[in-house]
Protein backbone atom coordinates (compact mmCIF):
# COMPACT_ATOMS: atom_id res chain seq x y z
CA MET A 1 2.16 6.25 11.00
CA GLY A 2 0.38 6.18 7.73
CA LYS A 3 2.55 5.76 3.84
CA ILE A 4 0.71 9.40 3.53
CA GLU A 5 1.52 10.95 6.38
CA LYS A 6 5.37 9.55 5.94
CA ALA A 7 4.74 10.88 1.76
CA LEU A 8 4.02 14.20 3.31
CA GLU A 9 7.22 13.77 5.71
CA LEU A 10 9.21 13.40 3.42
CA LEU A 11 7.83 16.59 0.62
CA GLU A 12 7.72 18.73 3.47
CA ASP A 13 11.68 17.65 4.27
CA ILE A 14 12.72 18.42 0.10
CA MET A 15 10.84 22.13 0.49
CA ARG A 16 13.38 22.92 3.58
CA ASP A 17 15.65 21.94 0.67
CA ARG A 18 17.14 25.22 0.12
CA GLY A 19 19.14 22.93 -3.16
CA VAL A 20 15.16 22.40 -4.66
CA PRO A 21 14.61 25.47 -7.72
CA ARG A 22 11.19 27.30 -6.72
CA ASN A 23 9.80 25.69 -9.61
CA VAL A 24 9.61 21.99 -8.20
CA LYS A 25 9.24 23.34 -4.74
CA SER A 26 6.45 25.38 -6.41
CA SER A 27 5.56 21.73 -7.30
CA ILE A 28 5.74 19.67 -4.24
CA GLU A 29 3.27 22.50 -2.46
CA LYS A 30 1.02 21.62 -4.91
CA SER A 31 1.33 17.88 -3.98
CA ILE A 32 0.79 18.23 -0.49
CA ASN A 33 -2.20 20.42 -1.09
CA SER A 34 -3.26 17.75 -2.83
CA LEU A 35 -3.13 14.85 -0.31
CA LYS A 36 -4.40 16.57 1.99
CA GLY A 37 -7.62 17.70 0.41
CA GLU A 38 -10.48 15.76 0.36
CA LYS A 39 -12.26 16.87 -2.94
CA GLU A 40 -11.26 13.74 -5.09
CA SER A 41 -10.56 10.01 -3.46
CA GLU A 42 -7.94 9.26 -2.36
CA ASN A 43 -6.86 7.00 -5.63
CA VAL A 44 -7.26 10.22 -7.33
CA ARG A 45 -5.22 12.57 -5.03
CA ILE A 46 -2.26 9.97 -4.97
CA SER A 47 -2.51 9.55 -8.77
CA THR A 48 -2.15 13.40 -9.58
CA VAL A 49 0.48 13.86 -7.16
CA ILE A 50 2.84 11.11 -8.62
CA SER A 51 2.13 12.40 -11.86
CA VAL A 52 3.28 15.83 -11.19
CA LEU A 53 6.10 14.38 -8.74
CA ASP A 54 7.44 12.48 -11.75
CA GLU A 55 7.16 15.24 -14.01
CA SER A 56 9.40 17.40 -11.01
CA SER A 57 11.84 14.92 -11.07
CA ASN A 58 12.65 15.69 -14.77
CA ASP A 59 13.07 18.49 -14.09
CA PRO A 60 17.22 19.05 -15.31
CA ASN A 61 18.17 21.88 -11.94
CA ILE A 62 17.25 19.24 -9.18
CA SER A 63 20.15 17.90 -7.27
CA LEU A 64 20.84 13.77 -7.27
CA TYR A 65 20.18 14.38 -3.59
CA ALA A 66 16.29 16.04 -3.95
CA ARG A 67 15.36 13.40 -7.13
CA THR A 68 16.05 11.02 -5.11
CA LYS A 69 13.58 11.75 -2.21
CA ILE A 70 10.75 12.47 -4.77
CA TRP A 71 11.33 9.12 -6.42
CA ASP A 72 10.84 7.68 -2.99
CA VAL A 73 8.01 9.26 -2.61
CA VAL A 74 6.76 8.55 -5.97
CA SER A 75 7.83 5.17 -4.97
CA LYS A 76 5.60 4.96 -1.07
CA LEU A 77 2.35 6.18 -2.97
CA GLU A 78 2.36 3.76 -6.13
CA GLU A 79 2.09 1.20 -2.89
CA LEU A 80 -0.81 2.83 -1.83
CA ASN A 81 -2.87 3.32 -5.75
CA LYS A 82 -2.01 -0.26 -6.07
C-alpha cells in the first residue's frame, strides 16, 4: 500500500470518528477529494492537503486523538512531498 493510500485510509478513519467537529470533517472530506483528484500534479495536491490539514489540526474543538491522527497523515504526506 502506497503512502497516499495509507493517508487516505487514515483520513477516512478520522471521518468516521463521531468526536470530530463538522467543520474539521468538511476539511478532511475536501482533502480526500483533493488527493483522489487528478486535475493538478501530485505535489500540488499534497501541498494543498497539508495546508488544509494543518489548519484543521489547530481547531480548538478537535480531540487530542483526532489531532494526533491528522498530524500522522501530514507527516506521511510531507515524506512524499520531498
